N, C-alpha and C. Protein backbone atom coordinates (compact mmCIF):
# COMPACT_ATOMS: atom_id res chain seq x y z
N MET A 1 -28.26 4.81 -41.38
CA MET A 1 -26.85 5.09 -41.14
C MET A 1 -26.79 5.29 -39.26
N LYS A 2 -28.10 6.13 -38.58
CA LYS A 2 -27.71 5.94 -37.19
C LYS A 2 -28.23 4.79 -36.63
N PHE A 3 -29.12 4.27 -37.45
CA PHE A 3 -29.12 2.69 -36.96
C PHE A 3 -28.60 1.84 -36.98
N ASN A 4 -27.74 1.38 -37.72
CA ASN A 4 -26.27 0.68 -38.06
C ASN A 4 -25.65 0.54 -36.73
N THR A 5 -25.05 1.92 -36.35
CA THR A 5 -24.25 2.21 -35.43
C THR A 5 -24.70 1.67 -34.28
N ILE A 6 -25.96 2.03 -33.69
CA ILE A 6 -26.82 1.35 -32.83
C ILE A 6 -26.60 0.11 -32.82
N ILE A 7 -27.03 -0.59 -33.65
CA ILE A 7 -26.94 -2.29 -33.70
C ILE A 7 -25.41 -2.65 -33.22
N PHE A 8 -24.58 -1.66 -33.73
CA PHE A 8 -23.22 -2.30 -33.95
C PHE A 8 -22.79 -1.84 -32.72
N ALA A 9 -23.04 -0.89 -32.04
CA ALA A 9 -22.86 -0.32 -30.65
C ALA A 9 -23.32 -1.79 -29.47
N VAL A 10 -24.49 -2.47 -29.56
CA VAL A 10 -25.23 -3.13 -28.81
C VAL A 10 -24.56 -4.72 -29.03
N ILE A 11 -23.94 -4.86 -30.32
CA ILE A 11 -23.07 -5.99 -30.54
C ILE A 11 -22.05 -6.11 -30.16
N ILE A 12 -21.17 -4.77 -30.14
CA ILE A 12 -19.57 -4.82 -29.01
C ILE A 12 -19.89 -4.63 -27.57
N LEU A 13 -21.33 -3.95 -27.57
CA LEU A 13 -21.21 -4.13 -26.04
C LEU A 13 -21.70 -5.85 -25.49
N SER A 14 -22.14 -6.57 -26.60
CA SER A 14 -22.78 -7.64 -25.76
C SER A 14 -21.36 -8.86 -25.46
N LEU A 15 -20.83 -8.71 -26.73
CA LEU A 15 -19.57 -9.48 -26.50
C LEU A 15 -18.35 -9.25 -25.88
N LEU A 16 -18.59 -7.80 -25.02
CA LEU A 16 -17.61 -7.41 -24.08
C LEU A 16 -18.24 -8.05 -22.68
N GLY A 17 -19.61 -8.07 -22.75
CA GLY A 17 -20.33 -8.55 -21.70
C GLY A 17 -20.07 -9.91 -21.36
N TRP A 18 -20.39 -10.73 -22.48
CA TRP A 18 -20.06 -11.91 -22.51
C TRP A 18 -18.75 -12.34 -21.96
N LYS A 19 -17.86 -11.76 -22.39
CA LYS A 19 -16.05 -12.18 -22.27
C LYS A 19 -15.90 -12.00 -20.92
N ALA A 20 -16.58 -11.20 -19.86
CA ALA A 20 -16.46 -10.40 -18.41
C ALA A 20 -16.61 -11.83 -18.09
N TYR A 21 -18.25 -12.14 -18.37
CA TYR A 21 -19.14 -13.20 -17.89
C TYR A 21 -18.44 -14.46 -18.03
N SER A 22 -17.79 -14.84 -19.35
CA SER A 22 -17.34 -15.91 -19.22
C SER A 22 -15.68 -16.28 -18.22
N ALA A 23 -15.11 -15.06 -18.19
CA ALA A 23 -13.99 -14.57 -17.28
C ALA A 23 -14.22 -14.68 -15.89
N GLY A 24 -15.64 -14.82 -15.37
CA GLY A 24 -15.97 -14.94 -13.93
C GLY A 24 -16.00 -13.68 -13.39
N TYR A 25 -15.59 -12.48 -13.94
CA TYR A 25 -15.83 -11.02 -13.68
C TYR A 25 -17.33 -10.85 -13.21
N ILE A 26 -18.14 -10.98 -13.84
CA ILE A 26 -19.50 -10.61 -13.76
C ILE A 26 -20.47 -12.16 -13.44
N GLY A 27 -21.39 -12.08 -13.03
CA GLY A 27 -22.38 -13.26 -12.71
C GLY A 27 -21.77 -13.69 -11.66
N ASP A 28 -22.73 -14.77 -11.33
CA ASP A 28 -22.80 -15.92 -10.17
C ASP A 28 -21.18 -16.90 -10.13
N GLY A 29 -20.35 -16.20 -9.07
CA GLY A 29 -19.28 -17.21 -9.30
C GLY A 29 -19.31 -18.62 -8.26
N ASN A 30 -18.39 -19.29 -8.66
CA ASN A 30 -18.60 -20.83 -7.94
C ASN A 30 -18.56 -20.47 -6.35
N PRO A 31 -19.08 -21.32 -5.63
CA PRO A 31 -19.60 -21.10 -4.13
C PRO A 31 -17.62 -20.98 -3.35
N GLY A 32 -17.59 -19.83 -2.48
CA GLY A 32 -16.31 -20.10 -1.95
C GLY A 32 -15.35 -18.85 -2.64
N THR A 33 -15.38 -18.73 -4.19
CA THR A 33 -15.05 -17.76 -4.96
C THR A 33 -15.31 -16.25 -4.65
N HIS A 34 -14.12 -15.74 -4.46
CA HIS A 34 -14.33 -14.33 -4.41
C HIS A 34 -13.05 -13.57 -5.77
N GLN A 35 -13.66 -12.03 -5.64
CA GLN A 35 -12.89 -10.98 -6.69
C GLN A 35 -12.91 -10.15 -5.90
N ILE A 36 -11.49 -9.87 -5.32
CA ILE A 36 -11.23 -8.79 -4.91
C ILE A 36 -10.14 -7.72 -5.20
N ASN A 37 -9.94 -6.46 -4.80
CA ASN A 37 -9.14 -5.04 -5.07
C ASN A 37 -7.85 -5.84 -4.34
N VAL A 38 -6.91 -4.98 -4.60
CA VAL A 38 -5.50 -5.35 -4.09
C VAL A 38 -5.73 -4.80 -2.83
N GLN A 39 -6.32 -3.77 -2.14
CA GLN A 39 -6.09 -3.12 -1.25
C GLN A 39 -6.96 -4.08 -0.07
N GLN A 40 -8.38 -4.61 -0.74
CA GLN A 40 -8.90 -5.77 0.06
C GLN A 40 -8.00 -7.06 0.37
N ALA A 41 -6.89 -7.33 -0.75
CA ALA A 41 -6.12 -8.54 -0.62
C ALA A 41 -4.91 -8.41 0.29
N LYS A 42 -4.58 -7.02 0.50
CA LYS A 42 -3.60 -6.65 1.41
C LYS A 42 -3.96 -6.95 2.83
N ASP A 43 -5.50 -6.19 3.17
CA ASP A 43 -6.01 -6.45 4.42
C ASP A 43 -6.22 -7.70 4.65
N LEU A 44 -6.29 -8.62 3.83
CA LEU A 44 -6.44 -9.90 4.27
C LEU A 44 -5.37 -11.03 4.43
N ILE A 45 -4.58 -10.04 3.64
CA ILE A 45 -3.05 -11.00 3.86
C ILE A 45 -2.46 -10.67 5.22
N GLU A 46 -2.67 -9.21 5.38
CA GLU A 46 -2.23 -8.85 7.43
C GLU A 46 -3.36 -9.21 8.08
N ASN A 47 -4.25 -9.44 7.77
CA ASN A 47 -4.92 -9.68 9.05
C ASN A 47 -5.18 -11.06 9.11
N GLY A 48 -4.99 -11.98 8.10
CA GLY A 48 -5.49 -13.71 8.05
C GLY A 48 -4.51 -14.45 8.67
N SER A 49 -3.94 -15.18 9.10
CA SER A 49 -2.81 -15.58 10.02
C SER A 49 -2.81 -17.06 8.98
N ASP A 50 -4.25 -17.41 8.51
CA ASP A 50 -3.87 -18.91 7.84
C ASP A 50 -4.12 -18.61 6.08
N VAL A 51 -4.02 -17.26 5.97
CA VAL A 51 -3.61 -16.98 4.37
C VAL A 51 -2.80 -17.82 3.96
N GLN A 52 -2.95 -18.81 2.72
CA GLN A 52 -2.30 -18.80 1.23
C GLN A 52 -2.23 -18.21 0.62
N ILE A 53 -0.72 -17.58 -0.27
CA ILE A 53 -0.77 -16.76 -1.27
C ILE A 53 0.05 -17.27 -2.51
N LEU A 54 -0.87 -17.61 -3.42
CA LEU A 54 -0.41 -18.48 -4.69
C LEU A 54 -0.37 -17.19 -5.85
N ASP A 55 0.62 -17.43 -6.18
CA ASP A 55 1.07 -16.60 -7.49
C ASP A 55 1.03 -17.39 -8.40
N VAL A 56 0.59 -17.27 -9.91
CA VAL A 56 0.44 -18.20 -10.48
C VAL A 56 1.24 -17.87 -12.20
N ARG A 57 2.12 -16.68 -11.77
CA ARG A 57 2.67 -16.17 -12.95
C ARG A 57 3.92 -17.32 -13.32
N THR A 58 5.16 -16.70 -14.41
CA THR A 58 5.56 -17.39 -14.82
C THR A 58 6.95 -17.51 -14.24
N GLU A 59 8.22 -18.42 -14.30
CA GLU A 59 9.38 -17.78 -13.32
C GLU A 59 10.22 -16.48 -13.80
N GLY A 60 9.97 -16.13 -14.81
CA GLY A 60 10.29 -14.57 -15.28
C GLY A 60 9.80 -13.79 -14.62
N GLU A 61 8.50 -13.77 -14.74
CA GLU A 61 7.45 -12.58 -14.07
C GLU A 61 8.07 -12.93 -12.74
N TRP A 62 8.06 -13.90 -12.02
CA TRP A 62 8.09 -14.14 -10.22
C TRP A 62 8.95 -13.30 -9.96
N ARG A 63 10.48 -13.45 -10.96
CA ARG A 63 11.94 -12.78 -10.47
C ARG A 63 11.69 -11.04 -10.62
N SER A 64 10.52 -10.66 -11.32
CA SER A 64 10.26 -9.12 -10.98
C SER A 64 9.98 -8.54 -9.83
N GLY A 65 9.76 -9.57 -8.92
CA GLY A 65 9.42 -9.14 -7.64
C GLY A 65 7.63 -9.97 -7.15
N VAL A 66 7.99 -10.19 -5.53
CA VAL A 66 6.41 -10.87 -5.64
C VAL A 66 5.59 -10.33 -4.30
N VAL A 67 4.73 -10.46 -3.70
CA VAL A 67 4.30 -10.64 -2.82
C VAL A 67 4.76 -11.34 -1.42
N GLU A 68 5.01 -10.49 -0.42
CA GLU A 68 6.10 -11.35 0.51
C GLU A 68 4.83 -13.03 1.12
N ASN A 69 5.76 -13.44 0.96
CA ASN A 69 5.48 -15.09 1.73
C ASN A 69 4.64 -15.87 0.53
N SER A 70 4.70 -15.15 -0.37
CA SER A 70 3.41 -16.32 -1.51
C SER A 70 4.58 -16.89 -2.39
N PHE A 71 3.87 -18.09 -3.05
CA PHE A 71 5.15 -19.12 -3.53
C PHE A 71 4.38 -19.43 -4.74
N LEU A 72 4.90 -19.91 -5.68
CA LEU A 72 4.83 -19.79 -7.23
C LEU A 72 4.70 -21.70 -7.70
N ILE A 73 3.27 -21.41 -8.27
CA ILE A 73 2.86 -22.37 -9.15
C ILE A 73 2.43 -21.96 -10.16
N ASN A 74 2.93 -21.90 -11.44
CA ASN A 74 2.51 -21.32 -12.73
C ASN A 74 1.97 -21.90 -13.33
N LEU A 75 0.29 -21.12 -13.67
CA LEU A 75 -0.91 -21.83 -14.15
C LEU A 75 -0.55 -22.90 -15.59
N TYR A 76 0.68 -22.46 -16.41
CA TYR A 76 0.95 -23.25 -17.05
C TYR A 76 1.86 -24.27 -17.10
N ASP A 77 1.95 -24.78 -15.99
CA ASP A 77 2.63 -26.05 -16.01
C ASP A 77 1.88 -27.24 -15.73
N GLN A 78 2.60 -27.87 -16.71
CA GLN A 78 1.74 -29.15 -17.00
C GLN A 78 1.36 -29.96 -15.45
N GLU A 79 2.10 -29.40 -14.65
CA GLU A 79 1.43 -30.33 -13.46
C GLU A 79 1.07 -29.20 -12.22
N PHE A 80 0.31 -28.06 -12.88
CA PHE A 80 0.08 -26.97 -12.10
C PHE A 80 -1.25 -27.96 -10.99
N GLN A 81 -2.25 -28.69 -11.42
CA GLN A 81 -3.44 -29.20 -10.80
C GLN A 81 -2.68 -30.28 -9.58
N LYS A 82 -1.46 -31.04 -9.96
CA LYS A 82 -0.98 -31.85 -8.94
C LYS A 82 -0.14 -30.90 -7.65
N LYS A 83 0.74 -29.91 -8.63
CA LYS A 83 1.33 -29.13 -7.12
C LYS A 83 -0.13 -28.04 -6.39
N VAL A 84 -1.05 -27.82 -6.73
CA VAL A 84 -1.93 -26.87 -6.18
C VAL A 84 -2.52 -27.93 -5.18
N GLN A 85 -2.82 -29.50 -5.26
CA GLN A 85 -3.53 -30.59 -4.52
C GLN A 85 -2.85 -30.45 -3.26
N GLU A 86 -1.32 -29.79 -2.99
CA GLU A 86 -0.58 -29.75 -2.06
C GLU A 86 -0.86 -28.87 -1.08
N LEU A 87 -1.60 -28.05 -1.41
CA LEU A 87 -2.16 -26.80 -0.72
C LEU A 87 -3.05 -27.09 0.09
N ASN A 88 -3.32 -26.94 1.63
CA ASN A 88 -4.61 -27.53 2.20
C ASN A 88 -6.00 -26.50 1.77
N LYS A 89 -6.73 -27.47 1.59
CA LYS A 89 -8.18 -26.80 0.66
C LYS A 89 -9.15 -26.18 1.85
N GLU A 90 -8.74 -26.14 2.91
CA GLU A 90 -9.42 -25.85 4.09
C GLU A 90 -9.20 -24.31 4.51
N LYS A 91 -8.04 -23.67 3.95
CA LYS A 91 -7.18 -22.48 4.26
C LYS A 91 -7.56 -21.72 3.33
N PRO A 92 -7.71 -20.55 3.55
CA PRO A 92 -8.44 -19.40 2.20
C PRO A 92 -6.55 -19.09 1.66
N VAL A 93 -7.07 -18.93 0.18
CA VAL A 93 -5.79 -18.58 -0.85
C VAL A 93 -6.49 -17.68 -1.61
N VAL A 94 -5.28 -16.72 -1.52
CA VAL A 94 -5.35 -15.77 -2.30
C VAL A 94 -4.36 -15.72 -3.19
N ILE A 95 -4.82 -15.59 -4.91
CA ILE A 95 -4.40 -16.17 -6.15
C ILE A 95 -3.82 -14.77 -6.52
N ILE A 96 -2.70 -14.27 -7.14
CA ILE A 96 -2.54 -13.39 -7.79
C ILE A 96 -1.58 -13.58 -9.25
N CYS A 97 -1.46 -12.65 -10.17
CA CYS A 97 -0.89 -13.27 -11.22
C CYS A 97 -0.32 -11.46 -11.60
N ARG A 98 -0.19 -11.43 -12.95
CA ARG A 98 0.20 -10.20 -13.59
C ARG A 98 -1.14 -9.21 -13.30
N SER A 99 -2.13 -9.73 -14.25
CA SER A 99 -2.96 -8.85 -14.19
C SER A 99 -4.49 -8.94 -13.70
N GLY A 100 -4.97 -10.43 -13.10
CA GLY A 100 -6.01 -10.60 -12.99
C GLY A 100 -6.61 -11.96 -13.67
N ASN A 101 -5.94 -12.12 -14.73
CA ASN A 101 -6.71 -13.03 -15.58
C ASN A 101 -6.43 -14.47 -15.49
N ARG A 102 -5.17 -15.06 -15.61
CA ARG A 102 -4.81 -16.34 -14.70
C ARG A 102 -5.08 -16.78 -13.80
N SER A 103 -5.09 -15.31 -12.69
CA SER A 103 -5.60 -16.07 -11.25
C SER A 103 -7.33 -16.06 -11.16
N ASN A 104 -7.44 -15.61 -11.96
CA ASN A 104 -8.89 -15.73 -12.12
C ASN A 104 -9.22 -17.32 -12.59
N GLN A 105 -8.76 -17.67 -13.65
CA GLN A 105 -8.51 -19.09 -14.40
C GLN A 105 -8.01 -19.86 -13.39
N ALA A 106 -7.20 -19.88 -12.48
CA ALA A 106 -6.60 -21.12 -11.57
C ALA A 106 -7.92 -20.84 -10.61
N MET A 107 -8.37 -19.56 -9.92
CA MET A 107 -9.24 -19.57 -8.96
C MET A 107 -10.31 -20.72 -9.46
N ARG A 108 -11.05 -20.29 -10.53
CA ARG A 108 -12.28 -21.37 -10.90
C ARG A 108 -11.66 -22.91 -11.34
N ALA A 109 -10.44 -23.21 -11.55
CA ALA A 109 -9.67 -24.84 -11.88
C ALA A 109 -9.89 -24.95 -10.48
N MET A 110 -9.23 -24.37 -9.33
CA MET A 110 -9.37 -24.85 -7.92
C MET A 110 -10.60 -25.27 -6.85
N SER A 111 -11.47 -24.28 -7.49
CA SER A 111 -13.04 -24.12 -6.69
C SER A 111 -13.27 -25.80 -7.21
N GLN A 112 -13.21 -26.18 -8.56
CA GLN A 112 -13.56 -27.36 -8.95
C GLN A 112 -12.94 -28.40 -8.14
N MET A 113 -11.23 -28.31 -7.99
CA MET A 113 -10.68 -29.38 -6.91
C MET A 113 -11.33 -29.35 -5.46
N GLY A 114 -12.49 -28.58 -5.15
CA GLY A 114 -12.43 -28.44 -3.77
C GLY A 114 -12.15 -27.64 -2.82
N PHE A 115 -11.22 -26.44 -3.34
CA PHE A 115 -10.82 -25.48 -2.56
C PHE A 115 -12.24 -24.72 -1.84
N LYS A 116 -12.01 -24.61 -0.75
CA LYS A 116 -13.39 -23.72 0.03
C LYS A 116 -13.47 -22.01 0.01
N GLU A 117 -12.09 -21.61 0.02
CA GLU A 117 -12.18 -19.99 -0.24
C GLU A 117 -10.92 -19.60 -0.79
N LEU A 118 -11.53 -19.01 -2.10
CA LEU A 118 -10.34 -18.63 -3.13
C LEU A 118 -10.78 -17.15 -3.28
N TYR A 119 -9.43 -16.02 -3.27
CA TYR A 119 -9.59 -15.05 -3.84
C TYR A 119 -8.91 -14.45 -5.05
N ASN A 120 -9.50 -13.84 -6.03
CA ASN A 120 -8.77 -13.69 -7.08
C ASN A 120 -8.17 -11.96 -6.88
N VAL A 121 -7.04 -11.62 -6.78
CA VAL A 121 -6.78 -10.15 -6.72
C VAL A 121 -6.91 -9.51 -8.15
N ARG A 122 -8.03 -9.00 -8.53
CA ARG A 122 -7.95 -8.25 -9.66
C ARG A 122 -7.12 -7.29 -9.76
N GLY A 123 -6.55 -7.17 -11.02
CA GLY A 123 -5.62 -6.68 -11.29
C GLY A 123 -4.37 -7.07 -11.42
N GLY A 124 -4.43 -7.94 -10.23
CA GLY A 124 -2.83 -8.49 -10.28
C GLY A 124 -1.47 -7.79 -9.75
N VAL A 125 -0.44 -8.24 -10.19
CA VAL A 125 0.60 -7.38 -9.03
C VAL A 125 1.06 -6.09 -10.13
N ASN A 126 0.24 -5.49 -11.09
CA ASN A 126 -0.04 -4.64 -11.93
C ASN A 126 -0.64 -3.52 -10.97
N SER A 127 -1.76 -4.03 -10.46
CA SER A 127 -2.61 -3.18 -9.64
C SER A 127 -1.57 -2.98 -7.99
N TRP A 128 -0.86 -3.84 -7.75
CA TRP A 128 -0.22 -4.11 -6.25
C TRP A 128 0.84 -3.01 -6.88
N ASN A 129 1.34 -2.83 -7.73
CA ASN A 129 2.53 -1.92 -8.29
C ASN A 129 1.78 -0.35 -7.76
N ARG A 130 0.73 -0.22 -8.53
CA ARG A 130 0.07 0.91 -8.85
C ARG A 130 -0.05 1.36 -7.60
N ALA A 131 -0.93 0.93 -6.69
CA ALA A 131 -1.45 1.14 -5.29
C ALA A 131 -0.01 1.46 -4.72
N GLY A 132 1.49 1.49 -5.02
CA GLY A 132 2.44 1.65 -3.84
C GLY A 132 2.83 0.23 -2.81
N TYR A 133 2.04 -0.62 -3.17
CA TYR A 133 2.55 -2.16 -2.17
C TYR A 133 3.91 -2.29 -2.35
N GLU A 134 4.48 -2.94 -1.47
CA GLU A 134 5.82 -3.30 -1.49
C GLU A 134 5.94 -4.92 -2.24
N LEU A 135 6.99 -5.41 -3.06
CA LEU A 135 7.21 -6.32 -4.05
C LEU A 135 8.73 -6.56 -3.52
N LYS A 136 8.95 -7.97 -2.90
CA LYS A 136 9.90 -8.53 -2.76
C LYS A 136 10.90 -8.87 -3.56
N PRO A 137 11.89 -8.41 -3.87
CA PRO A 137 12.91 -9.40 -5.00
C PRO A 137 12.79 -11.06 -5.28
């Protein structure tokens, strides 16, 4: 019985590790991609004059509050790639969503499109709120 529990635990941990790896949270990322927390994002936004802030949430989520100076391109918009191509690929892009999952997907896609410096905000707007940082209406 104890052996079965150990085997079960190893399988579960392996699956969780694979999910984290495939989502890009662990392991080597694409060159120029970075996972950052909300404090690092806030510092980068406040100290980086050329930083572009991309919010990849839906319009409904966007209406609940946004990081100042961010712009919306919904990850699930059929023209997401076309709209993102209008951004400057040479300037850093901080990408945020509700929880960090969609922004991570967007970061990986944008890396493949040739963007040089991308930052995924882990925890997204949810963590931004918990940290007490301001969202604009």
